[in-house]
Amino acid sequence: MLDTLKQAGKQIGRELNRAWDNLAEGWRELISRSSHALTHFARDKETDEAQQTALATFPNWSLLAGEVEETEKDVLVRIEVPGMNKEDCSITIEGNVLKLSGEKHMERETHDSNYHLMERAYGAFQRTVPLPRNVDSDKAEASYKNGVLTVRLPKTAAENIRAIPVS
């Protein structure tokens, strides 16, 4: 009987270690792959008191997952902005950095309800995406479809790389 309990204890220990390793691996991957996607949503101080109370328990952080793809002619940036309208987004290019800012608005059918799960963040945000090449921002195009914002940025011919001799 004692041997059976010892074996069960060892098995439980192995399973707990394996579960912990899987959890730790998941967190490491989330942090390494998504750390730039983790975006802070700031609350508007002018929101009415009832909505401020409701928003107090909502997350201030959310993922705006993205990808940067380079083709022969373009740099394509895609960022998921679910639950937003294209009018709520603003895009600027500063040097080799794309800046996406906007505001995600909360929509409720009624104010006399209770939330049992809240994982969505609301408010103003800004997300920066470094670009791998120089781009022609004057010829940039943006589109929005199915909650994904796509920005097509034509690459410039010259890379503006110059060697500087050390004297």
N, C-alpha and C. Protein backbone atom coordinates (compact mmCIF):
# COMPACT_ATOMS: atom_id res chain seq x y z
N MET A 1 0.83 -1.20 0.00
CA MET A 1 0.00 0.00 0.00
C MET A 1 0.87 1.26 0.00
N LEU A 2 1.92 1.26 0.82
CA LEU A 2 2.81 2.41 0.90
C LEU A 2 3.53 2.63 -0.43
N ASP A 3 3.95 1.54 -1.08
CA ASP A 3 4.61 1.65 -2.38
C ASP A 3 3.66 2.25 -3.43
N THR A 4 2.42 1.85 -3.37
CA THR A 4 1.42 2.37 -4.31
C THR A 4 1.24 3.87 -4.11
N LEU A 5 1.19 4.32 -2.87
CA LEU A 5 1.06 5.75 -2.58
C LEU A 5 2.30 6.51 -3.04
N LYS A 6 3.49 5.94 -2.85
CA LYS A 6 4.72 6.59 -3.29
C LYS A 6 4.72 6.72 -4.82
N GLN A 7 4.33 5.67 -5.51
CA GLN A 7 4.27 5.69 -6.97
C GLN A 7 3.26 6.74 -7.45
N ALA A 8 2.11 6.79 -6.80
CA ALA A 8 1.09 7.78 -7.16
C ALA A 8 1.63 9.19 -6.92
N GLY A 9 2.34 9.39 -5.82
CA GLY A 9 2.93 10.69 -5.52
C GLY A 9 3.96 11.10 -6.56
N LYS A 10 4.80 10.16 -6.99
CA LYS A 10 5.79 10.45 -8.03
C LYS A 10 5.10 10.79 -9.35
N GLN A 11 4.05 10.03 -9.68
CA GLN A 11 3.32 10.29 -10.94
C GLN A 11 2.67 11.68 -10.91
N ILE A 12 2.07 12.02 -9.78
CA ILE A 12 1.45 13.34 -9.64
C ILE A 12 2.53 14.43 -9.77
N GLY A 13 3.68 14.21 -9.16
CA GLY A 13 4.78 15.17 -9.24
C GLY A 13 5.25 15.36 -10.68
N ARG A 14 5.38 14.27 -11.44
CA ARG A 14 5.79 14.36 -12.84
C ARG A 14 4.76 15.13 -13.66
N GLU A 15 3.49 14.84 -13.43
CA GLU A 15 2.43 15.53 -14.18
C GLU A 15 2.39 17.02 -13.84
N LEU A 16 2.57 17.37 -12.58
CA LEU A 16 2.61 18.78 -12.19
C LEU A 16 3.81 19.49 -12.82
N ASN A 17 4.97 18.83 -12.82
CA ASN A 17 6.15 19.42 -13.46
C ASN A 17 5.92 19.64 -14.95
N ARG A 18 5.30 18.65 -15.62
CA ARG A 18 5.04 18.78 -17.04
C ARG A 18 4.04 19.92 -17.30
N ALA A 19 3.02 20.02 -16.48
CA ALA A 19 2.05 21.10 -16.64
C ALA A 19 2.72 22.46 -16.42
N TRP A 20 3.57 22.55 -15.40
CA TRP A 20 4.27 23.80 -15.12
C TRP A 20 5.20 24.17 -16.29
N ASP A 21 5.91 23.18 -16.83
CA ASP A 21 6.80 23.43 -17.97
C ASP A 21 6.01 23.94 -19.18
N ASN A 22 4.84 23.34 -19.45
CA ASN A 22 4.01 23.80 -20.57
C ASN A 22 3.51 25.22 -20.35
N LEU A 23 3.10 25.53 -19.13
CA LEU A 23 2.65 26.88 -18.81
C LEU A 23 3.79 27.88 -18.97
N ALA A 24 4.95 27.54 -18.44
CA ALA A 24 6.11 28.43 -18.54
C ALA A 24 6.50 28.64 -20.00
N GLU A 25 6.46 27.57 -20.81
CA GLU A 25 6.79 27.70 -22.23
C GLU A 25 5.80 28.61 -22.93
N GLY A 26 4.52 28.48 -22.59
CA GLY A 26 3.50 29.34 -23.18
C GLY A 26 3.73 30.80 -22.85
N TRP A 27 4.06 31.09 -21.60
CA TRP A 27 4.34 32.48 -21.21
C TRP A 27 5.58 33.01 -21.91
N ARG A 28 6.63 32.18 -22.01
CA ARG A 28 7.86 32.63 -22.70
C ARG A 28 7.56 32.96 -24.16
N GLU A 29 6.77 32.11 -24.83
CA GLU A 29 6.44 32.38 -26.23
C GLU A 29 5.57 33.63 -26.36
N LEU A 30 4.59 33.79 -25.48
CA LEU A 30 3.75 34.97 -25.51
C LEU A 30 4.58 36.23 -25.36
N ILE A 31 5.50 36.23 -24.41
CA ILE A 31 6.32 37.41 -24.17
C ILE A 31 7.27 37.65 -25.34
N SER A 32 7.92 36.61 -25.84
CA SER A 32 8.90 36.81 -26.92
C SER A 32 8.24 37.19 -28.25
N ARG A 33 7.10 36.60 -28.56
CA ARG A 33 6.46 36.86 -29.84
C ARG A 33 5.47 38.03 -29.81
N SER A 34 4.93 38.33 -28.66
CA SER A 34 3.84 39.30 -28.62
C SER A 34 4.12 40.52 -27.76
N SER A 35 5.33 40.66 -27.27
CA SER A 35 5.58 41.76 -26.35
C SER A 35 5.33 43.12 -26.99
N HIS A 36 5.60 43.26 -28.30
CA HIS A 36 5.32 44.53 -28.96
C HIS A 36 3.84 44.70 -29.24
N ALA A 37 3.12 43.60 -29.31
CA ALA A 37 1.69 43.67 -29.58
C ALA A 37 0.89 44.03 -28.33
N LEU A 38 1.50 43.87 -27.17
CA LEU A 38 0.82 44.21 -25.93
C LEU A 38 0.67 45.73 -25.87
N THR A 39 -0.57 46.19 -25.90
CA THR A 39 -0.87 47.60 -26.08
C THR A 39 -1.70 48.12 -24.91
N HIS A 40 -1.32 49.30 -24.42
CA HIS A 40 -2.04 49.93 -23.31
C HIS A 40 -3.21 50.75 -23.87
N PHE A 41 -4.36 50.59 -23.27
CA PHE A 41 -5.56 51.35 -23.62
C PHE A 41 -5.84 52.31 -22.47
N ALA A 42 -5.74 53.60 -22.74
CA ALA A 42 -5.96 54.63 -21.72
C ALA A 42 -7.42 55.05 -21.72
N ARG A 43 -7.95 55.25 -20.55
CA ARG A 43 -9.34 55.65 -20.40
C ARG A 43 -9.48 57.16 -20.47
N ASP A 44 -10.52 57.61 -21.12
CA ASP A 44 -10.81 59.03 -21.23
C ASP A 44 -11.33 59.53 -19.89
N LYS A 45 -10.72 60.57 -19.38
CA LYS A 45 -11.09 61.12 -18.07
C LYS A 45 -12.47 61.79 -18.11
N GLU A 46 -12.96 62.09 -19.30
CA GLU A 46 -14.24 62.78 -19.43
C GLU A 46 -15.43 61.82 -19.56
N THR A 47 -15.16 60.51 -19.50
CA THR A 47 -16.24 59.53 -19.59
C THR A 47 -17.18 59.71 -18.40
N ASP A 48 -18.49 59.54 -18.63
CA ASP A 48 -19.44 59.75 -17.54
C ASP A 48 -19.19 58.75 -16.40
N GLU A 49 -19.65 59.10 -15.22
CA GLU A 49 -19.36 58.35 -13.99
C GLU A 49 -19.83 56.89 -14.06
N ALA A 50 -21.01 56.65 -14.63
CA ALA A 50 -21.53 55.28 -14.72
C ALA A 50 -20.63 54.42 -15.60
N GLN A 51 -20.17 55.00 -16.71
CA GLN A 51 -19.30 54.22 -17.60
C GLN A 51 -17.92 54.04 -16.97
N GLN A 52 -17.40 55.06 -16.25
CA GLN A 52 -16.11 54.93 -15.56
C GLN A 52 -16.17 53.80 -14.55
N THR A 53 -17.28 53.67 -13.82
CA THR A 53 -17.44 52.60 -12.84
C THR A 53 -17.42 51.25 -13.53
N ALA A 54 -18.12 51.14 -14.67
CA ALA A 54 -18.15 49.88 -15.41
C ALA A 54 -16.76 49.56 -15.96
N LEU A 55 -16.06 50.55 -16.48
CA LEU A 55 -14.74 50.32 -17.07
C LEU A 55 -13.66 50.03 -16.04
N ALA A 56 -13.90 50.36 -14.78
CA ALA A 56 -12.89 50.17 -13.74
C ALA A 56 -12.44 48.72 -13.62
N THR A 57 -13.31 47.78 -13.91
CA THR A 57 -12.95 46.37 -13.79
C THR A 57 -12.47 45.77 -15.12
N PHE A 58 -12.50 46.57 -16.18
CA PHE A 58 -12.09 46.07 -17.49
C PHE A 58 -10.57 46.16 -17.63
N PRO A 59 -9.99 45.33 -18.48
CA PRO A 59 -8.54 45.35 -18.69
C PRO A 59 -8.08 46.68 -19.30
N ASN A 60 -6.86 47.08 -18.95
CA ASN A 60 -6.23 48.25 -19.55
C ASN A 60 -5.25 47.85 -20.65
N TRP A 61 -4.98 46.57 -20.78
CA TRP A 61 -4.01 46.07 -21.75
C TRP A 61 -4.67 45.02 -22.63
N SER A 62 -4.27 45.00 -23.89
CA SER A 62 -4.76 44.00 -24.82
C SER A 62 -3.73 43.80 -25.92
N LEU A 63 -3.89 42.73 -26.68
CA LEU A 63 -2.99 42.46 -27.79
C LEU A 63 -3.57 43.02 -29.08
N LEU A 64 -2.75 43.77 -29.78
CA LEU A 64 -3.06 44.18 -31.15
C LEU A 64 -2.01 43.46 -32.01
N ALA A 65 -2.30 42.21 -32.32
CA ALA A 65 -1.33 41.37 -33.02
C ALA A 65 -1.09 41.90 -34.42
N GLY A 66 0.15 41.79 -34.87
CA GLY A 66 0.50 42.30 -36.18
C GLY A 66 1.53 41.45 -36.87
N GLU A 67 1.79 41.81 -38.11
CA GLU A 67 2.86 41.17 -38.87
C GLU A 67 3.40 42.18 -39.87
N VAL A 68 4.68 42.05 -40.18
CA VAL A 68 5.32 42.88 -41.18
C VAL A 68 5.89 41.93 -42.24
N GLU A 69 5.45 42.12 -43.47
CA GLU A 69 5.88 41.27 -44.58
C GLU A 69 6.58 42.16 -45.61
N GLU A 70 7.71 41.69 -46.11
CA GLU A 70 8.44 42.44 -47.13
C GLU A 70 8.39 41.69 -48.45
N THR A 71 7.94 42.37 -49.50
CA THR A 71 7.97 41.82 -50.84
C THR A 71 9.08 42.53 -51.61
N GLU A 72 9.18 42.23 -52.88
CA GLU A 72 10.21 42.86 -53.70
C GLU A 72 10.03 44.37 -53.75
N LYS A 73 8.78 44.83 -53.78
CA LYS A 73 8.51 46.26 -53.96
C LYS A 73 7.96 46.97 -52.72
N ASP A 74 7.34 46.20 -51.81
CA ASP A 74 6.60 46.82 -50.71
C ASP A 74 6.97 46.24 -49.35
N VAL A 75 6.61 47.01 -48.33
CA VAL A 75 6.55 46.51 -46.96
C VAL A 75 5.07 46.53 -46.60
N LEU A 76 4.55 45.39 -46.18
CA LEU A 76 3.14 45.28 -45.79
C LEU A 76 3.06 45.12 -44.28
N VAL A 77 2.25 45.95 -43.66
CA VAL A 77 2.02 45.87 -42.22
C VAL A 77 0.54 45.54 -42.03
N ARG A 78 0.29 44.46 -41.27
CA ARG A 78 -1.09 44.09 -40.95
C ARG A 78 -1.22 44.05 -39.44
N ILE A 79 -2.26 44.72 -38.93
CA ILE A 79 -2.50 44.74 -37.49
C ILE A 79 -3.97 44.44 -37.24
N GLU A 80 -4.20 43.50 -36.34
CA GLU A 80 -5.57 43.15 -35.97
C GLU A 80 -6.12 44.19 -35.01
N VAL A 81 -7.23 44.80 -35.39
CA VAL A 81 -7.90 45.78 -34.54
C VAL A 81 -9.39 45.42 -34.46
N PRO A 82 -9.69 44.28 -33.85
CA PRO A 82 -11.08 43.82 -33.81
C PRO A 82 -11.96 44.76 -33.00
N GLY A 83 -13.20 44.86 -33.44
CA GLY A 83 -14.17 45.67 -32.71
C GLY A 83 -14.02 47.16 -32.95
N MET A 84 -13.24 47.53 -33.96
CA MET A 84 -13.04 48.95 -34.25
C MET A 84 -13.48 49.25 -35.67
N ASN A 85 -13.84 50.50 -35.89
CA ASN A 85 -14.15 50.98 -37.23
C ASN A 85 -12.90 51.63 -37.80
N LYS A 86 -12.78 51.64 -39.11
CA LYS A 86 -11.59 52.23 -39.73
C LYS A 86 -11.47 53.72 -39.39
N GLU A 87 -12.57 54.37 -39.13
CA GLU A 87 -12.55 55.80 -38.78
C GLU A 87 -11.90 56.04 -37.42
N ASP A 88 -11.80 55.00 -36.61
CA ASP A 88 -11.23 55.13 -35.26
C ASP A 88 -9.72 54.96 -35.25
N CYS A 89 -9.11 54.75 -36.43
CA CYS A 89 -7.67 54.51 -36.53
C CYS A 89 -6.98 55.66 -37.24
N SER A 90 -5.76 55.96 -36.80
CA SER A 90 -4.93 56.97 -37.43
C SER A 90 -3.54 56.38 -37.62
N ILE A 91 -2.96 56.58 -38.81
CA ILE A 91 -1.65 56.01 -39.13
C ILE A 91 -0.70 57.14 -39.51
N THR A 92 0.49 57.11 -38.95
CA THR A 92 1.55 58.04 -39.34
C THR A 92 2.83 57.24 -39.53
N ILE A 93 3.70 57.78 -40.38
CA ILE A 93 5.02 57.19 -40.60
C ILE A 93 6.04 58.23 -40.19
N GLU A 94 6.93 57.86 -39.28
CA GLU A 94 8.02 58.73 -38.85
C GLU A 94 9.32 57.98 -39.04
N GLY A 95 10.07 58.35 -40.07
CA GLY A 95 11.30 57.62 -40.37
C GLY A 95 10.96 56.20 -40.76
N ASN A 96 11.52 55.24 -40.05
CA ASN A 96 11.25 53.83 -40.32
C ASN A 96 10.33 53.24 -39.26
N VAL A 97 9.39 54.03 -38.78
CA VAL A 97 8.45 53.56 -37.76
C VAL A 97 7.04 53.93 -38.18
N LEU A 98 6.17 52.92 -38.19
CA LEU A 98 4.75 53.14 -38.42
C LEU A 98 4.10 53.29 -37.05
N LYS A 99 3.29 54.33 -36.90
CA LYS A 99 2.56 54.54 -35.65
C LYS A 99 1.07 54.45 -35.92
N LEU A 100 0.44 53.54 -35.20
CA LEU A 100 -1.00 53.37 -35.28
C LEU A 100 -1.58 53.85 -33.97
N SER A 101 -2.52 54.76 -34.05
CA SER A 101 -3.20 55.21 -32.83
C SER A 101 -4.70 55.22 -33.11
N GLY A 102 -5.45 55.24 -32.05
CA GLY A 102 -6.89 55.25 -32.21
C GLY A 102 -7.60 55.10 -30.90
N GLU A 103 -8.86 54.77 -31.00
CA GLU A 103 -9.65 54.57 -29.79
C GLU A 103 -10.68 53.48 -30.04
N LYS A 104 -10.73 52.55 -29.09
CA LYS A 104 -11.71 51.48 -29.15
C LYS A 104 -12.83 51.83 -28.18
N HIS A 105 -14.02 51.96 -28.72
CA HIS A 105 -15.17 52.39 -27.93
C HIS A 105 -15.96 51.21 -27.40
N MET A 106 -16.44 51.36 -26.20
CA MET A 106 -17.27 50.33 -25.58
C MET A 106 -18.71 50.53 -26.03
N GLU A 107 -19.36 49.44 -26.40
CA GLU A 107 -20.76 49.49 -26.78
C GLU A 107 -21.53 48.52 -25.91
N ARG A 108 -22.54 49.03 -25.24
CA ARG A 108 -23.38 48.18 -24.39
C ARG A 108 -24.82 48.32 -24.84
N GLU A 109 -25.53 47.21 -24.80
CA GLU A 109 -26.95 47.25 -25.14
C GLU A 109 -27.75 47.87 -24.01
N THR A 110 -27.32 47.61 -22.79
CA THR A 110 -28.03 48.14 -21.63
C THR A 110 -27.01 48.41 -20.52
N HIS A 111 -27.35 49.31 -19.62
CA HIS A 111 -26.44 49.62 -18.51
C HIS A 111 -26.84 48.91 -17.21
N ASP A 112 -27.91 48.10 -17.27
CA ASP A 112 -28.34 47.40 -16.06
C ASP A 112 -28.01 45.90 -16.15
N SER A 113 -26.84 45.60 -16.73
CA SER A 113 -26.42 44.21 -16.86
C SER A 113 -25.14 44.00 -16.06
N ASN A 114 -24.76 42.73 -15.87
CA ASN A 114 -23.53 42.37 -15.18
C ASN A 114 -22.64 41.58 -16.12
N TYR A 115 -21.37 41.89 -16.11
CA TYR A 115 -20.40 41.12 -16.90
C TYR A 115 -19.89 39.96 -16.04
N HIS A 116 -19.74 38.81 -16.66
CA HIS A 116 -19.18 37.65 -15.98
C HIS A 116 -17.81 37.30 -16.55
N LEU A 117 -17.48 37.87 -17.69
CA LEU A 117 -16.17 37.69 -18.31
C LEU A 117 -15.85 38.98 -19.05
N MET A 118 -14.66 39.53 -18.82
CA MET A 118 -14.26 40.74 -19.54
C MET A 118 -12.78 40.65 -19.84
N GLU A 119 -12.45 40.40 -21.10
CA GLU A 119 -11.06 40.30 -21.54
C GLU A 119 -10.72 41.37 -22.57
N ARG A 120 -11.67 42.18 -22.95
CA ARG A 120 -11.46 43.21 -23.98
C ARG A 120 -11.15 44.54 -23.31
N ALA A 121 -10.17 45.25 -23.89
CA ALA A 121 -9.79 46.57 -23.37
C ALA A 121 -10.41 47.65 -24.26
N TYR A 122 -10.70 48.79 -23.65
CA TYR A 122 -11.29 49.92 -24.36
C TYR A 122 -10.53 51.18 -24.00
N GLY A 123 -10.53 52.13 -24.93
CA GLY A 123 -9.90 53.41 -24.69
C GLY A 123 -8.96 53.77 -25.82
N ALA A 124 -8.19 54.83 -25.60
CA ALA A 124 -7.23 55.31 -26.59
C ALA A 124 -5.96 54.47 -26.51
N PHE A 125 -5.31 54.25 -27.66
CA PHE A 125 -4.09 53.44 -27.70
C PHE A 125 -3.14 53.99 -28.74
N GLN A 126 -1.89 53.57 -28.64
CA GLN A 126 -0.89 53.83 -29.67
C GLN A 126 0.01 52.61 -29.78
N ARG A 127 0.25 52.17 -30.98
CA ARG A 127 1.12 51.01 -31.25
C ARG A 127 2.15 51.43 -32.28
N THR A 128 3.43 51.16 -32.02
CA THR A 128 4.48 51.47 -32.98
C THR A 128 5.02 50.17 -33.56
N VAL A 129 5.33 50.22 -34.85
CA VAL A 129 5.85 49.06 -35.57
C VAL A 129 7.11 49.49 -36.32
N PRO A 130 8.27 48.96 -35.96
CA PRO A 130 9.48 49.29 -36.72
C PRO A 130 9.43 48.66 -38.11
N LEU A 131 9.87 49.42 -39.10
CA LEU A 131 9.86 48.94 -40.48
C LEU A 131 11.27 48.50 -40.87
N PRO A 132 11.39 47.42 -41.66
CA PRO A 132 12.71 46.88 -41.98
C PRO A 132 13.45 47.66 -43.07
N ARG A 133 12.78 48.53 -43.81
CA ARG A 133 13.37 49.27 -44.92
C ARG A 133 12.84 50.69 -44.94
N ASN A 134 13.54 51.55 -45.68
CA ASN A 134 13.01 52.89 -45.93
C ASN A 134 11.82 52.76 -46.87
N VAL A 135 10.79 53.54 -46.61
CA VAL A 135 9.57 53.46 -47.41
C VAL A 135 9.19 54.85 -47.89
N ASP A 136 8.38 54.88 -48.93
CA ASP A 136 7.86 56.13 -49.47
C ASP A 136 6.49 56.37 -48.86
N SER A 137 6.45 57.13 -47.80
CA SER A 137 5.18 57.33 -47.08
C SER A 137 4.16 58.11 -47.92
N ASP A 138 4.63 58.89 -48.91
CA ASP A 138 3.69 59.63 -49.77
C ASP A 138 2.86 58.69 -50.64
N LYS A 139 3.35 57.49 -50.90
CA LYS A 139 2.64 56.54 -51.76
C LYS A 139 2.01 55.39 -50.95
N ALA A 140 1.97 55.53 -49.65
CA ALA A 140 1.40 54.49 -48.79
C ALA A 140 -0.11 54.40 -48.99
N GLU A 141 -0.63 53.18 -48.83
CA GLU A 141 -2.07 52.93 -48.93
C GLU A 141 -2.49 52.08 -47.75
N ALA A 142 -3.67 52.37 -47.21
CA ALA A 142 -4.19 51.60 -46.08
C ALA A 142 -5.58 51.10 -46.42
N SER A 143 -5.88 49.88 -45.96
CA SER A 143 -7.22 49.32 -46.14
C SER A 143 -7.61 48.59 -44.85
N TYR A 144 -8.90 48.36 -44.71
CA TYR A 144 -9.43 47.72 -43.51
C TYR A 144 -10.47 46.69 -43.92
N LYS A 145 -10.26 45.45 -43.49
CA LYS A 145 -11.20 44.39 -43.85
C LYS A 145 -11.20 43.34 -42.74
N ASN A 146 -12.38 42.94 -42.31
CA ASN A 146 -12.56 41.88 -41.32
C ASN A 146 -11.73 42.10 -40.05
N GLY A 147 -11.65 43.35 -39.60
CA GLY A 147 -10.93 43.64 -38.36
C GLY A 147 -9.43 43.70 -38.50
N VAL A 148 -8.91 43.66 -39.74
CA VAL A 148 -7.47 43.74 -39.96
C VAL A 148 -7.15 44.99 -40.77
N LEU A 149 -6.27 45.82 -40.23
CA LEU A 149 -5.80 47.02 -40.90
C LEU A 149 -4.54 46.64 -41.67
N THR A 150 -4.51 46.89 -42.98
CA THR A 150 -3.35 46.58 -43.82
C THR A 150 -2.80 47.88 -44.39
N VAL A 151 -1.50 48.09 -44.21
CA VAL A 151 -0.83 49.27 -44.75
C VAL A 151 0.23 48.77 -45.73
N ARG A 152 0.12 49.22 -46.98
CA ARG A 152 1.09 48.88 -48.03
C ARG A 152 2.00 50.09 -48.22
N LEU A 153 3.30 49.87 -47.99
CA LEU A 153 4.29 50.93 -48.06
C LEU A 153 5.32 50.59 -49.13
N PRO A 154 5.34 51.33 -50.24
CA PRO A 154 6.35 51.06 -51.27
C PRO A 154 7.75 51.36 -50.71
N LYS A 155 8.67 50.46 -51.02
CA LYS A 155 10.05 50.67 -50.58
C LYS A 155 10.70 51.73 -51.46
N THR A 156 11.61 52.51 -50.88
CA THR A 156 12.36 53.48 -51.67
C THR A 156 13.55 52.78 -52.28
N ALA A 157 13.98 53.29 -53.44
CA ALA A 157 15.10 52.67 -54.14
C ALA A 157 16.40 52.83 -53.36
N ALA A 158 16.64 53.99 -52.84
CA ALA A 158 17.89 54.23 -52.11
C ALA A 158 17.71 53.90 -50.65
N GLU A 159 18.69 53.27 -50.09
CA GLU A 159 18.64 52.89 -48.68
C GLU A 159 19.24 53.95 -47.77
N ASN A 160 19.86 54.98 -48.33
CA ASN A 160 20.49 56.04 -47.54
C ASN A 160 21.48 55.50 -46.53
N ILE A 161 22.26 54.49 -46.95
CA ILE A 161 23.29 53.95 -46.09
C ILE A 161 24.61 54.52 -46.57
N ARG A 162 25.36 55.09 -45.65
CA ARG A 162 26.61 55.72 -46.02
C ARG A 162 27.68 55.33 -45.01
N ALA A 163 28.82 54.92 -45.51
CA ALA A 163 29.94 54.60 -44.63
C ALA A 163 30.63 55.91 -44.24
N ILE A 164 30.98 56.03 -42.99
CA ILE A 164 31.64 57.22 -42.50
C ILE A 164 33.02 56.81 -42.01
N PRO A 165 34.07 57.36 -42.64
CA PRO A 165 35.42 57.00 -42.22
C PRO A 165 35.74 57.57 -40.84
N VAL A 166 36.49 56.84 -40.07
CA VAL A 166 36.89 57.30 -38.76
C VAL A 166 38.25 57.95 -38.90
N SER A 167 38.41 59.20 -38.42
CA SER A 167 39.70 59.87 -38.53
C SER A 167 40.43 59.89 -37.21
